[in-house]
């Protein structure tokens, strides 16, 4: 790893690396593409949900948590796959935990959205 970059050049390199990570996740991971589609559909649906603009902003940004969780899961799976293709209980455990991160995040976002909609119907 080259660590001789400084200042703005380092920031630009970090951006390029991050962009490459997003491209890699999009091109190689069906789950990442599915989560992006889910978030796109939810964003469109958000237009029709009768809540205030502040709540819509919070609901929109909560969707980013799903993408972040899927990127973490993808990174975990990629590292495990890099170690080797043979089955190992610890590899399975790491992949299952990564999957649980995504499940818990999606569940949390759904509950968050439901709470906002429910609170807005009461008041």
PDB file of N, CA and C in Angstrom:
ATOM      1  N   UNK A   1       0.846  -1.174   0.000  1.00  0.00           N
ATOM      2  CA  UNK A   1       0.000   0.000   0.000  1.00  0.00           C
ATOM      3  C   UNK A   1       0.891   1.236   0.000  1.00  0.00           C
ATOM      4  N   UNK A   2       0.607   2.154  -0.899  1.00  0.00           N
ATOM      5  CA  UNK A   2       1.398   3.368  -1.024  1.00  0.00           C
ATOM      6  C   UNK A   2       0.854   4.429  -0.072  1.00  0.00           C
ATOM      7  N   UNK A   3       1.689   4.916   0.837  1.00  0.00           N
ATOM      8  CA  UNK A   3       1.243   5.903   1.828  1.00  0.00           C
ATOM      9  C   UNK A   3       1.941   7.241   1.646  1.00  0.00           C
ATOM     10  N   UNK A   4       2.452   7.510   0.453  1.00  0.00           N
ATOM     11  CA  UNK A   4       3.177   8.751   0.244  1.00  0.00           C
ATOM     12  C   UNK A   4       2.279   9.912  -0.180  1.00  0.00           C
ATOM     13  N   UNK A   5       0.982   9.689  -0.296  1.00  0.00           N
ATOM     14  CA  UNK A   5       0.076  10.759  -0.685  1.00  0.00           C
ATOM     15  C   UNK A   5      -0.234  11.639   0.514  1.00  0.00           C
ATOM     16  N   UNK A   6      -0.313  12.951   0.269  1.00  0.00           N
ATOM     17  CA  UNK A   6      -0.595  13.908   1.340  1.00  0.00           C
ATOM     18  C   UNK A   6      -1.586  14.954   0.843  1.00  0.00           C
ATOM     19  N   UNK A   7      -2.250  15.589   1.793  1.00  0.00           N
ATOM     20  CA  UNK A   7      -3.120  16.715   1.484  1.00  0.00           C
ATOM     21  C   UNK A   7      -4.252  16.357   0.540  1.00  0.00           C
ATOM     22  N   UNK A   8      -4.488  17.256  -0.414  1.00  0.00           N
ATOM     23  CA  UNK A   8      -5.594  17.099  -1.353  1.00  0.00           C
ATOM     24  C   UNK A   8      -5.423  15.829  -2.192  1.00  0.00           C
ATOM     25  N   UNK A   9      -4.196  15.526  -2.570  1.00  0.00           N
ATOM     26  CA  UNK A   9      -3.949  14.322  -3.369  1.00  0.00           C
ATOM     27  C   UNK A   9      -4.376  13.072  -2.603  1.00  0.00           C
ATOM     28  N   UNK A  10      -4.120  13.024  -1.306  1.00  0.00           N
ATOM     29  CA  UNK A  10      -4.539  11.890  -0.488  1.00  0.00           C
ATOM     30  C   UNK A  10      -6.064  11.791  -0.454  1.00  0.00           C
ATOM     31  N   UNK A  11      -6.725  12.943  -0.320  1.00  0.00           N
ATOM     32  CA  UNK A  11      -8.192  12.960  -0.287  1.00  0.00           C
ATOM     33  C   UNK A  11      -8.760  12.481  -1.619  1.00  0.00           C
ATOM     34  N   UNK A  12      -8.167  12.935  -2.716  1.00  0.00           N
ATOM     35  CA  UNK A  12      -8.626  12.501  -4.031  1.00  0.00           C
ATOM     36  C   UNK A  12      -8.415  11.004  -4.231  1.00  0.00           C
ATOM     37  N   UNK A  13      -7.278  10.488  -3.781  1.00  0.00           N
ATOM     38  CA  UNK A  13      -7.015   9.048  -3.879  1.00  0.00           C
ATOM     39  C   UNK A  13      -8.030   8.264  -3.043  1.00  0.00           C
ATOM     40  N   UNK A  14      -8.350   8.776  -1.863  1.00  0.00           N
ATOM     41  CA  UNK A  14      -9.335   8.108  -1.009  1.00  0.00           C
ATOM     42  C   UNK A  14     -10.701   8.085  -1.697  1.00  0.00           C
ATOM     43  N   UNK A  15     -11.056   9.188  -2.353  1.00  0.00           N
ATOM     44  CA  UNK A  15     -12.328   9.237  -3.074  1.00  0.00           C
ATOM     45  C   UNK A  15     -12.342   8.208  -4.202  1.00  0.00           C
ATOM     46  N   UNK A  16     -11.254   8.134  -4.968  1.00  0.00           N
ATOM     47  CA  UNK A  16     -11.163   7.163  -6.066  1.00  0.00           C
ATOM     48  C   UNK A  16     -11.277   5.740  -5.525  1.00  0.00           C
ATOM     49  N   UNK A  17     -10.586   5.454  -4.433  1.00  0.00           N
ATOM     50  CA  UNK A  17     -10.667   4.118  -3.830  1.00  0.00           C
ATOM     51  C   UNK A  17     -12.089   3.804  -3.368  1.00  0.00           C
ATOM     52  N   UNK A  18     -12.741   4.788  -2.771  1.00  0.00           N
ATOM     53  CA  UNK A  18     -14.121   4.599  -2.317  1.00  0.00           C
ATOM     54  C   UNK A  18     -15.048   4.352  -3.504  1.00  0.00           C
ATOM     55  N   UNK A  19     -14.877   5.126  -4.555  1.00  0.00           N
ATOM     56  CA  UNK A  19     -15.690   4.959  -5.764  1.00  0.00           C
ATOM     57  C   UNK A  19     -15.478   3.562  -6.354  1.00  0.00           C
ATOM     58  N   UNK A  20     -14.213   3.118  -6.379  1.00  0.00           N
ATOM     59  CA  UNK A  20     -13.915   1.773  -6.878  1.00  0.00           C
ATOM     60  C   UNK A  20     -14.592   0.705  -6.026  1.00  0.00           C
ATOM     61  N   UNK A  21     -14.658   0.927  -4.714  1.00  0.00           N
ATOM     62  CA  UNK A  21     -15.348  -0.007  -3.831  1.00  0.00           C
ATOM     63  C   UNK A  21     -16.833  -0.078  -4.134  1.00  0.00           C
ATOM     64  N   UNK A  22     -17.443   1.083  -4.380  1.00  0.00           N
ATOM     65  CA  UNK A  22     -18.865   1.104  -4.732  1.00  0.00           C
ATOM     66  C   UNK A  22     -19.106   0.390  -6.061  1.00  0.00           C
ATOM     67  N   UNK A  23     -18.246   0.654  -7.042  1.00  0.00           N
ATOM     68  CA  UNK A  23     -18.381  -0.012  -8.344  1.00  0.00           C
ATOM     69  C   UNK A  23     -18.229  -1.523  -8.198  1.00  0.00           C
ATOM     70  N   UNK A  24     -17.252  -1.934  -7.411  1.00  0.00           N
ATOM     71  CA  UNK A  24     -17.021  -3.362  -7.205  1.00  0.00           C
ATOM     72  C   UNK A  24     -18.230  -4.022  -6.549  1.00  0.00           C
ATOM     73  N   UNK A  25     -18.763  -3.387  -5.517  1.00  0.00           N
ATOM     74  CA  UNK A  25     -19.942  -3.937  -4.837  1.00  0.00           C
ATOM     75  C   UNK A  25     -21.119  -4.023  -5.802  1.00  0.00           C
ATOM     76  N   UNK A  26     -21.310  -2.987  -6.602  1.00  0.00           N
ATOM     77  CA  UNK A  26     -22.429  -2.975  -7.543  1.00  0.00           C
ATOM     78  C   UNK A  26     -22.271  -4.055  -8.611  1.00  0.00           C
ATOM     79  N   UNK A  27     -21.062  -4.203  -9.135  1.00  0.00           N
ATOM     80  CA  UNK A  27     -20.829  -5.140 -10.241  1.00  0.00           C
ATOM     81  C   UNK A  27     -20.779  -6.598  -9.800  1.00  0.00           C
ATOM     82  N   UNK A  28     -20.418  -6.855  -8.552  1.00  0.00           N
ATOM     83  CA  UNK A  28     -20.197  -8.244  -8.137  1.00  0.00           C
ATOM     84  C   UNK A  28     -21.214  -8.775  -7.134  1.00  0.00           C
ATOM     85  N   UNK A  29     -22.006  -7.915  -6.526  1.00  0.00           N
ATOM     86  CA  UNK A  29     -22.882  -8.357  -5.439  1.00  0.00           C
ATOM     87  C   UNK A  29     -24.353  -8.110  -5.766  1.00  0.00           C
ATOM     88  N   UNK A  30     -25.077  -9.185  -6.025  1.00  0.00           N
ATOM     89  CA  UNK A  30     -26.508  -9.066  -6.309  1.00  0.00           C
ATOM     90  C   UNK A  30     -27.252  -8.456  -5.126  1.00  0.00           C
ATOM     91  N   UNK A  31     -26.868  -8.807  -3.911  1.00  0.00           N
ATOM     92  CA  UNK A  31     -27.549  -8.275  -2.722  1.00  0.00           C
ATOM     93  C   UNK A  31     -27.394  -6.759  -2.641  1.00  0.00           C
ATOM     94  N   UNK A  32     -26.232  -6.244  -3.020  1.00  0.00           N
ATOM     95  CA  UNK A  32     -26.018  -4.798  -3.003  1.00  0.00           C
ATOM     96  C   UNK A  32     -26.944  -4.126  -4.019  1.00  0.00           C
ATOM     97  N   UNK A  33     -27.044  -4.702  -5.211  1.00  0.00           N
ATOM     98  CA  UNK A  33     -27.937  -4.137  -6.227  1.00  0.00           C
ATOM     99  C   UNK A  33     -29.395  -4.210  -5.765  1.00  0.00           C
ATOM    100  N   UNK A  34     -29.768  -5.306  -5.114  1.00  0.00           N
ATOM    101  CA  UNK A  34     -31.135  -5.440  -4.610  1.00  0.00           C
ATOM    102  C   UNK A  34     -31.423  -4.402  -3.527  1.00  0.00           C
ATOM    103  N   UNK A  35     -30.459  -4.173  -2.655  1.00  0.00           N
ATOM    104  CA  UNK A  35     -30.646  -3.166  -1.606  1.00  0.00           C
ATOM    105  C   UNK A  35     -30.751  -1.767  -2.202  1.00  0.00           C
ATOM    106  N   UNK A  36     -29.960  -1.486  -3.239  1.00  0.00           N
ATOM    107  CA  UNK A  36     -30.078  -0.193  -3.918  1.00  0.00           C
ATOM    108  C   UNK A  36     -31.465  -0.033  -4.530  1.00  0.00           C
ATOM    109  N   UNK A  37     -31.970  -1.094  -5.148  1.00  0.00           N
ATOM    110  CA  UNK A  37     -33.311  -1.050  -5.727  1.00  0.00           C
ATOM    111  C   UNK A  37     -34.358  -0.841  -4.637  1.00  0.00           C
ATOM    112  N   UNK A  38     -34.228  -1.563  -3.538  1.00  0.00           N
ATOM    113  CA  UNK A  38     -35.135  -1.393  -2.403  1.00  0.00           C
ATOM    114  C   UNK A  38     -35.142   0.062  -1.929  1.00  0.00           C
ATOM    115  N   UNK A  39     -33.966   0.642  -1.798  1.00  0.00           N
ATOM    116  CA  UNK A  39     -33.865   2.029  -1.334  1.00  0.00           C
ATOM    117  C   UNK A  39     -34.432   3.004  -2.360  1.00  0.00           C
ATOM    118  N   UNK A  40     -34.241   2.726  -3.643  1.00  0.00           N
ATOM    119  CA  UNK A  40     -34.803   3.588  -4.688  1.00  0.00           C
ATOM    120  C   UNK A  40     -36.328   3.547  -4.654  1.00  0.00           C
ATOM    121  N   UNK A  41     -36.886   2.352  -4.522  1.00  0.00           N
ATOM    122  CA  UNK A  41     -38.343   2.207  -4.441  1.00  0.00           C
ATOM    123  C   UNK A  41     -38.870   2.899  -3.187  1.00  0.00           C
ATOM    124  N   UNK A  42     -38.189   2.715  -2.068  1.00  0.00           N
ATOM    125  CA  UNK A  42     -38.608   3.360  -0.819  1.00  0.00           C
ATOM    126  C   UNK A  42     -38.538   4.879  -0.938  1.00  0.00           C
ATOM    127  N   UNK A  43     -37.532   5.384  -1.644  1.00  0.00           N
ATOM    128  CA  UNK A  43     -37.404   6.831  -1.830  1.00  0.00           C
ATOM    129  C   UNK A  43     -38.578   7.369  -2.638  1.00  0.00           C
ATOM    130  N   UNK A  44     -38.964   6.663  -3.691  1.00  0.00           N
ATOM    131  CA  UNK A  44     -40.130   7.083  -4.480  1.00  0.00           C
ATOM    132  C   UNK A  44     -41.389   6.998  -3.624  1.00  0.00           C
ATOM    133  N   UNK A  45     -41.537   5.921  -2.864  1.00  0.00           N
ATOM    134  CA  UNK A  45     -42.707   5.762  -1.995  1.00  0.00           C
ATOM    135  C   UNK A  45     -42.785   6.875  -0.963  1.00  0.00           C
ATOM    136  N   UNK A  46     -41.628   7.356  -0.557  1.00  0.00           N
ATOM    137  CA  UNK A  46     -41.564   8.413   0.455  1.00  0.00           C
ATOM    138  C   UNK A  46     -42.301   9.672   0.002  1.00  0.00           C
ATOM    139  N   UNK A  47     -42.339   9.905  -1.297  1.00  0.00           N
ATOM    140  CA  UNK A  47     -43.045  11.069  -1.839  1.00  0.00           C
ATOM    141  C   UNK A  47     -44.519  11.022  -1.448  1.00  0.00           C
ATOM    142  N   UNK A  48     -45.077   9.822  -1.382  1.00  0.00           N
ATOM    143  CA  UNK A  48     -46.512   9.660  -1.154  1.00  0.00           C
ATOM    144  C   UNK A  48     -46.885   9.415   0.306  1.00  0.00           C
ATOM    145  N   UNK A  49     -45.902   9.301   1.173  1.00  0.00           N
ATOM    146  CA  UNK A  49     -46.187   9.072   2.590  1.00  0.00           C
ATOM    147  C   UNK A  49     -46.501  10.414   3.248  1.00  0.00           C
ATOM    148  N   UNK A  50     -47.654  10.525   3.896  1.00  0.00           N
ATOM    149  CA  UNK A  50     -48.092  11.816   4.430  1.00  0.00           C
ATOM    150  C   UNK A  50     -47.443  12.173   5.778  1.00  0.00           C
ATOM    151  N   UNK A  51     -46.170  12.532   5.714  1.00  0.00           N
ATOM    152  CA  UNK A  51     -45.456  13.008   6.902  1.00  0.00           C
ATOM    153  C   UNK A  51     -44.760  14.309   6.529  1.00  0.00           C
ATOM    154  N   UNK A  52     -44.319  15.041   7.541  1.00  0.00           N
ATOM    155  CA  UNK A  52     -43.653  16.318   7.304  1.00  0.00           C
ATOM    156  C   UNK A  52     -42.307  16.155   6.614  1.00  0.00           C
ATOM    157  N   UNK A  53     -41.820  17.263   6.078  1.00  0.00           N
ATOM    158  CA  UNK A  53     -40.560  17.244   5.341  1.00  0.00           C
ATOM    159  C   UNK A  53     -39.388  16.826   6.230  1.00  0.00           C
ATOM    160  N   UNK A  54     -39.400  17.239   7.489  1.00  0.00           N
ATOM    161  CA  UNK A  54     -38.330  16.845   8.406  1.00  0.00           C
ATOM    162  C   UNK A  54     -38.275  15.340   8.590  1.00  0.00           C
ATOM    163  N   UNK A  55     -39.448  14.736   8.757  1.00  0.00           N
ATOM    164  CA  UNK A  55     -39.508  13.276   8.885  1.00  0.00           C
ATOM    165  C   UNK A  55     -39.111  12.582   7.586  1.00  0.00           C
ATOM    166  N   UNK A  56     -39.503  13.156   6.460  1.00  0.00           N
ATOM    167  CA  UNK A  56     -39.114  12.564   5.174  1.00  0.00           C
ATOM    168  C   UNK A  56     -37.597  12.577   5.010  1.00  0.00           C
ATOM    169  N   UNK A  57     -36.968  13.651   5.430  1.00  0.00           N
ATOM    170  CA  UNK A  57     -35.502  13.728   5.348  1.00  0.00           C
ATOM    171  C   UNK A  57     -34.873  12.646   6.227  1.00  0.00           C
ATOM    172  N   UNK A  58     -35.371  12.503   7.453  1.00  0.00           N
ATOM    173  CA  UNK A  58     -34.853  11.460   8.347  1.00  0.00           C
ATOM    174  C   UNK A  58     -35.083  10.068   7.767  1.00  0.00           C
ATOM    175  N   UNK A  59     -36.249   9.855   7.212  1.00  0.00           N
ATOM    176  CA  UNK A  59     -36.567   8.555   6.633  1.00  0.00           C
ATOM    177  C   UNK A  59     -35.662   8.260   5.435  1.00  0.00           C
ATOM    178  N   UNK A  60     -35.424   9.282   4.610  1.00  0.00           N
ATOM    179  CA  UNK A  60     -34.546   9.104   3.451  1.00  0.00           C
ATOM    180  C   UNK A  60     -33.136   8.727   3.890  1.00  0.00           C
ATOM    181  N   UNK A  61     -32.588   9.480   4.836  1.00  0.00           N
ATOM    182  CA  UNK A  61     -31.218   9.197   5.250  1.00  0.00           C
ATOM    183  C   UNK A  61     -31.097   7.884   6.026  1.00  0.00           C
ATOM    184  N   UNK A  62     -32.191   7.429   6.636  1.00  0.00           N
ATOM    185  CA  UNK A  62     -32.128   6.123   7.307  1.00  0.00           C
ATOM    186  C   UNK A  62     -31.894   5.001   6.296  1.00  0.00           C
ATOM    187  N   UNK A  63     -32.310   5.204   5.056  1.00  0.00           N
ATOM    188  CA  UNK A  63     -32.078   4.200   4.013  1.00  0.00           C
ATOM    189  C   UNK A  63     -30.590   3.993   3.756  1.00  0.00           C
ATOM    190  N   UNK A  64     -29.799   5.030   3.965  1.00  0.00           N
ATOM    191  CA  UNK A  64     -28.355   4.920   3.752  1.00  0.00           C
ATOM    192  C   UNK A  64     -27.750   3.874   4.686  1.00  0.00           C
ATOM    193  N   UNK A  65     -28.367   3.688   5.858  1.00  0.00           N
ATOM    194  CA  UNK A  65     -27.861   2.683   6.796  1.00  0.00           C
ATOM    195  C   UNK A  65     -27.901   1.285   6.182  1.00  0.00           C
ATOM    196  N   UNK A  66     -28.913   1.032   5.358  1.00  0.00           N
ATOM    197  CA  UNK A  66     -29.015  -0.268   4.696  1.00  0.00           C
ATOM    198  C   UNK A  66     -27.846  -0.456   3.733  1.00  0.00           C
ATOM    199  N   UNK A  67     -27.535   0.577   2.975  1.00  0.00           N
ATOM    200  CA  UNK A  67     -26.424   0.505   2.023  1.00  0.00           C
ATOM    201  C   UNK A  67     -25.103   0.328   2.771  1.00  0.00           C
ATOM    202  N   UNK A  68     -24.931   1.062   3.857  1.00  0.00           N
ATOM    203  CA  UNK A  68     -23.705   0.940   4.659  1.00  0.00           C
ATOM    204  C   UNK A  68     -23.570  -0.481   5.204  1.00  0.00           C
ATOM    205  N   UNK A  69     -24.667  -1.020   5.735  1.00  0.00           N
ATOM    206  CA  UNK A  69     -24.628  -2.382   6.283  1.00  0.00           C
ATOM    207  C   UNK A  69     -24.283  -3.395   5.198  1.00  0.00           C
ATOM    208  N   UNK A  70     -24.851  -3.223   4.018  1.00  0.00           N
ATOM    209  CA  UNK A  70     -24.558  -4.159   2.926  1.00  0.00           C
ATOM    210  C   UNK A  70     -23.102  -4.047   2.484  1.00  0.00           C
ATOM    211  N   UNK A  71     -22.543  -2.841   2.498  1.00  0.00           N
ATOM    212  CA  UNK A  71     -21.122  -2.681   2.163  1.00  0.00           C
ATOM    213  C   UNK A  71     -20.232  -3.366   3.202  1.00  0.00           C
ATOM    214  N   UNK A  72     -20.591  -3.246   4.473  1.00  0.00           N
ATOM    215  CA  UNK A  72     -19.832  -3.937   5.528  1.00  0.00           C
ATOM    216  C   UNK A  72     -19.916  -5.452   5.316  1.00  0.00           C
ATOM    217  N   UNK A  73     -21.122  -5.941   5.046  1.00  0.00           N
ATOM    218  CA  UNK A  73     -21.306  -7.365   4.800  1.00  0.00           C
ATOM    219  C   UNK A  73     -20.491  -7.825   3.589  1.00  0.00           C
ATOM    220  N   UNK A  74     -20.501  -7.037   2.538  1.00  0.00           N
ATOM    221  CA  UNK A  74     -19.733  -7.372   1.339  1.00  0.00           C
ATOM    222  C   UNK A  74     -18.242  -7.425   1.639  1.00  0.00           C
ATOM    223  N   UNK A  75     -17.755  -6.465   2.427  1.00  0.00           N
ATOM    224  CA  UNK A  75     -16.332  -6.460   2.791  1.00  0.00           C
ATOM    225  C   UNK A  75     -15.971  -7.709   3.590  1.00  0.00           C
ATOM    226  N   UNK A  76     -16.825  -8.078   4.537  1.00  0.00           N
ATOM    227  CA  UNK A  76     -16.576  -9.285   5.339  1.00  0.00           C
ATOM    228  C   UNK A  76     -16.536 -10.515   4.438  1.00  0.00           C
ATOM    229  N   UNK A  77     -17.528 -10.650   3.564  1.00  0.00           N
ATOM    230  CA  UNK A  77     -17.578 -11.815   2.681  1.00  0.00           C
ATOM    231  C   UNK A  77     -16.379 -11.861   1.739  1.00  0.00           C
ATOM    232  N   UNK A  78     -15.956 -10.707   1.243  1.00  0.00           N
ATOM    233  CA  UNK A  78     -14.818 -10.655   0.329  1.00  0.00           C
ATOM    234  C   UNK A  78     -13.541 -11.111   1.020  1.00  0.00           C
ATOM    235  N   UNK A  79     -13.330 -10.654   2.250  1.00  0.00           N
ATOM    236  CA  UNK A  79     -12.128 -11.061   2.994  1.00  0.00           C
ATOM    237  C   UNK A  79     -12.160 -12.560   3.278  1.00  0.00           C
ATOM    238  N   UNK A  80     -13.309 -13.066   3.685  1.00  0.00           N
ATOM    239  CA  UNK A  80     -13.426 -14.502   3.967  1.00  0.00           C
ATOM    240  C   UNK A  80     -13.171 -15.315   2.697  1.00  0.00           C
ATOM    241  N   UNK A  81     -13.740 -14.879   1.579  1.00  0.00           N
ATOM    242  CA  UNK A  81     -13.525 -15.589   0.320  1.00  0.00           C
ATOM    243  C   UNK A  81     -12.065 -15.520  -0.120  1.00  0.00           C
ATOM    244  N   UNK A  82     -11.386 -14.441   0.214  1.00  0.00           N
ATOM    245  CA  UNK A  82      -9.967 -14.286  -0.132  1.00  0.00           C
ATOM    246  C   UNK A  82      -9.105 -15.280   0.644  1.00  0.00           C
ATOM    247  N   UNK A  83      -9.520 -15.578   1.866  1.00  0.00           N
ATOM    248  CA  UNK A  83      -8.760 -16.508   2.701  1.00  0.00           C
ATOM    249  C   UNK A  83      -8.738 -17.890   2.063  1.00  0.00           C
ATOM    250  N   UNK A  84      -9.856 -18.307   1.511  1.00  0.00           N
ATOM    251  CA  UNK A  84      -9.889 -19.605   0.856  1.00  0.00           C
ATOM    252  C   UNK A  84     -11.303 -20.099   0.654  1.00  0.00           C
ATOM    253  N   UNK A  85     -11.497 -20.972  -0.334  1.00  0.00           N
ATOM    254  CA  UNK A  85     -12.846 -21.446  -0.652  1.00  0.00           C
ATOM    255  C   UNK A  85     -13.326 -22.595   0.238  1.00  0.00           C
ATOM    256  N   UNK A  86     -12.424 -23.203   0.991  1.00  0.00           N
ATOM    257  CA  UNK A  86     -12.825 -24.357   1.798  1.00  0.00           C
ATOM    258  C   UNK A  86     -13.719 -23.911   2.961  1.00  0.00           C
ATOM    259  N   UNK A  87     -14.593 -24.843   3.368  1.00  0.00           N
ATOM    260  CA  UNK A  87     -15.517 -24.549   4.458  1.00  0.00           C
ATOM    261  C   UNK A  87     -14.760 -24.503   5.782  1.00  0.00           C
ATOM    262  N   UNK A  88     -15.090 -23.501   6.569  1.00  0.00           N
ATOM    263  CA  UNK A  88     -14.574 -23.425   7.935  1.00  0.00           C
ATOM    264  C   UNK A  88     -15.668 -22.798   8.789  1.00  0.00           C
ATOM    265  N   UNK A  89     -15.871 -23.337   9.970  1.00  0.00           N
ATOM    266  CA  UNK A  89     -16.939 -22.860  10.850  1.00  0.00           C
ATOM    267  C   UNK A  89     -16.771 -21.380  11.193  1.00  0.00           C
ATOM    268  N   UNK A  90     -15.542 -20.923  11.376  1.00  0.00           N
ATOM    269  CA  UNK A  90     -15.320 -19.507  11.697  1.00  0.00           C
ATOM    270  C   UNK A  90     -15.654 -18.612  10.499  1.00  0.00           C
ATOM    271  N   UNK A  91     -15.376 -19.084   9.294  1.00  0.00           N
ATOM    272  CA  UNK A  91     -15.744 -18.328   8.092  1.00  0.00           C
ATOM    273  C   UNK A  91     -17.257 -18.221   7.986  1.00  0.00           C
ATOM    274  N   UNK A  92     -17.943 -19.329   8.236  1.00  0.00           N
ATOM    275  CA  UNK A  92     -19.403 -19.316   8.219  1.00  0.00           C
ATOM    276  C   UNK A  92     -19.945 -18.347   9.261  1.00  0.00           C
ATOM    277  N   UNK A  93     -19.362 -18.379  10.438  1.00  0.00           N
ATOM    278  CA  UNK A  93     -19.795 -17.494  11.515  1.00  0.00           C
ATOM    279  C   UNK A  93     -19.636 -16.028  11.106  1.00  0.00           C
ATOM    280  N   UNK A  94     -18.485 -15.681  10.529  1.00  0.00           N
ATOM    281  CA  UNK A  94     -18.243 -14.300  10.107  1.00  0.00           C
ATOM    282  C   UNK A  94     -19.244 -13.869   9.042  1.00  0.00           C
ATOM    283  N   UNK A  95     -19.505 -14.746   8.076  1.00  0.00           N
ATOM    284  CA  UNK A  95     -20.471 -14.412   7.026  1.00  0.00           C
ATOM    285  C   UNK A  95     -21.886 -14.290   7.592  1.00  0.00           C
ATOM    286  N   UNK A  96     -22.238 -15.168   8.518  1.00  0.00           N
ATOM    287  CA  UNK A  96     -23.560 -15.094   9.146  1.00  0.00           C
ATOM    288  C   UNK A  96     -23.724 -13.801   9.943  1.00  0.00           C
ATOM    289  N   UNK A  97     -22.680 -13.390  10.626  1.00  0.00           N
ATOM    290  CA  UNK A  97     -22.734 -12.138  11.386  1.00  0.00           C
ATOM    291  C   UNK A  97     -22.894 -10.959  10.434  1.00  0.00           C
ATOM    292  N   UNK A  98     -22.169 -10.979   9.322  1.00  0.00           N
ATOM    293  CA  UNK A  98     -22.324  -9.921   8.323  1.00  0.00           C
ATOM    294  C   UNK A  98     -23.747  -9.855   7.802  1.00  0.00           C
ATOM    295  N   UNK A  99     -24.329 -11.014   7.552  1.00  0.00           N
ATOM    296  CA  UNK A  99     -25.714 -11.065   7.101  1.00  0.00           C
ATOM    297  C   UNK A  99     -26.665 -10.548   8.181  1.00  0.00           C
ATOM    298  N   UNK A 100     -26.373 -10.871   9.428  1.00  0.00           N
ATOM    299  CA  UNK A 100     -27.199 -10.390  10.546  1.00  0.00           C
ATOM    300  C   UNK A 100     -27.151  -8.870  10.655  1.00  0.00           C
ATOM    301  N   UNK A 101     -25.992  -8.283  10.352  1.00  0.00           N
ATOM    302  CA  UNK A 101     -25.879  -6.818  10.356  1.00  0.00           C
ATOM    303  C   UNK A 101     -26.902  -6.225   9.394  1.00  0.00           C
ATOM    304  N   UNK A 102     -26.987  -6.800   8.202  1.00  0.00           N
ATOM    305  CA  UNK A 102     -27.932  -6.297   7.199  1.00  0.00           C
ATOM    306  C   UNK A 102     -29.366  -6.511   7.665  1.00  0.00           C
ATOM    307  N   UNK A 103     -29.669  -7.693   8.174  1.00  0.00           N
ATOM    308  CA  UNK A 103     -31.024  -7.994   8.641  1.00  0.00           C
ATOM    309  C   UNK A 103     -31.465  -7.033   9.742  1.00  0.00           C
ATOM    310  N   UNK A 104     -30.614  -6.824  10.720  1.00  0.00           N
ATOM    311  CA  UNK A 104     -30.958  -5.938  11.832  1.00  0.00           C
ATOM    312  C   UNK A 104     -31.114  -4.501  11.345  1.00  0.00           C
ATOM    313  N   UNK A 105     -30.281  -4.087  10.415  1.00  0.00           N
ATOM    314  CA  UNK A 105     -30.380  -2.727   9.882  1.00  0.00           C
ATOM    315  C   UNK A 105     -31.687  -2.532   9.132  1.00  0.00           C
ATOM    316  N   UNK A 106     -32.020  -3.472   8.256  1.00  0.00           N
ATOM    317  CA  UNK A 106     -33.280  -3.350   7.512  1.00  0.00           C
ATOM    318  C   UNK A 106     -34.466  -3.366   8.470  1.00  0.00           C
ATOM    319  N   UNK A 107     -34.438  -4.246   9.452  1.00  0.00           N
ATOM    320  CA  UNK A 107     -35.515  -4.304  10.444  1.00  0.00           C
ATOM    321  C   UNK A 107     -35.630  -2.982  11.194  1.00  0.00           C
ATOM    322  N   UNK A 108     -34.497  -2.427  11.597  1.00  0.00           N
ATOM    323  CA  UNK A 108     -34.502  -1.147  12.299  1.00  0.00           C
ATOM    324  C   UNK A 108     -35.063  -0.023  11.452  1.00  0.00           C
ATOM    325  N   UNK A 109     -34.692   0.015  10.183  1.00  0.00           N
ATOM    326  CA  UNK A 109     -35.199   1.064   9.291  1.00  0.00           C
ATOM    327  C   UNK A 109     -36.707   0.905   9.093  1.00  0.00           C
ATOM    328  N   UNK A 110     -37.169  -0.318   8.901  1.00  0.00           N
ATOM    329  CA  UNK A 110     -38.612  -0.550   8.739  1.00  0.00           C
ATOM    330  C   UNK A 110     -39.361  -0.113   9.996  1.00  0.00           C
ATOM    331  N   UNK A 111     -38.854  -0.463  11.166  1.00  0.00           N
ATOM    332  CA  UNK A 111     -39.504  -0.049  12.421  1.00  0.00           C
ATOM    333  C   UNK A 111     -39.466   1.462  12.592  1.00  0.00           C
ATOM    334  N   UNK A 112     -38.360   2.083  12.202  1.00  0.00           N
ATOM    335  CA  UNK A 112     -38.233   3.540  12.273  1.00  0.00           C
ATOM    336  C   UNK A 112     -39.280   4.205  11.383  1.00  0.00           C
ATOM    337  N   UNK A 113     -39.400   3.731  10.151  1.00  0.00           N
ATOM    338  CA  UNK A 113     -40.404   4.273   9.239  1.00  0.00           C
ATOM    339  C   UNK A 113     -41.812   4.062   9.800  1.00  0.00           C
ATOM    340  N   UNK A 114     -42.077   2.865  10.310  1.00  0.00           N
ATOM    341  CA  UNK A 114     -43.403   2.565  10.859  1.00  0.00           C
ATOM    342  C   UNK A 114     -43.720   3.467  12.042  1.00  0.00           C
ATOM    343  N   UNK A 115     -42.737   3.707  12.892  1.00  0.00           N
ATOM    344  CA  UNK A 115     -42.954   4.580  14.049  1.00  0.00           C
ATOM    345  C   UNK A 115     -43.280   5.999  13.610  1.00  0.00           C
ATOM    346  N   UNK A 116     -42.565   6.498  12.612  1.00  0.00           N
ATOM    347  CA  UNK A 116     -42.836   7.857  12.129  1.00  0.00           C
ATOM    348  C   UNK A 116     -44.234   7.939  11.531  1.00  0.00           C
ATOM    349  N   UNK A 117     -44.588   6.984  10.695  1.00  0.00           N
ATOM    350  CA  UNK A 117     -45.919   6.998  10.081  1.00  0.00           C
ATOM    351  C   UNK A 117     -46.990   6.858  11.152  1.00  0.00           C
ATOM    352  N   UNK A 118     -46.795   5.955  12.098  1.00  0.00           N
ATOM    353  CA  UNK A 118     -47.763   5.744  13.171  1.00  0.00           C
ATOM    354  C   UNK A 118     -47.925   7.010  14.010  1.00  0.00           C
ATOM    355  N   UNK A 119     -46.815   7.637  14.381  1.00  0.00           N
ATOM    356  CA  UNK A 119     -46.887   8.857  15.196  1.00  0.00           C
ATOM    357  C   UNK A 119     -47.583   9.984  14.439  1.00  0.00           C
ATOM    358  N   UNK A 120     -47.392  10.043  13.137  1.00  0.00           N
ATOM    359  CA  UNK A 120     -48.038  11.087  12.344  1.00  0.00           C
ATOM    360  C   UNK A 120     -49.525  10.836  12.163  1.00  0.00           C
ATOM    361  N   UNK A 121     -49.957   9.585  12.235  1.00  0.00           N
ATOM    362  CA  UNK A 121     -51.390   9.320  12.136  1.00  0.00           C
ATOM    363  C   UNK A 121     -52.096   9.613  13.455  1.00  0.00           C
ATOM    364  N   UNK A 122     -51.351   9.541  14.571  1.00  0.00           N
ATOM    365  CA  UNK A 122     -51.946   9.833  15.875  1.00  0.00           C
ATOM    366  C   UNK A 122     -52.059  11.325  16.138  1.00  0.00           C
ATOM    367  N   UNK A 123     -51.083  12.069  15.664  1.00  0.00           N
ATOM    368  CA  UNK A 123     -51.046  13.498  16.002  1.00  0.00           C
ATOM    369  C   UNK A 123     -51.241  14.338  14.777  1.00  0.00           C
TER     370      UNK A 123
END
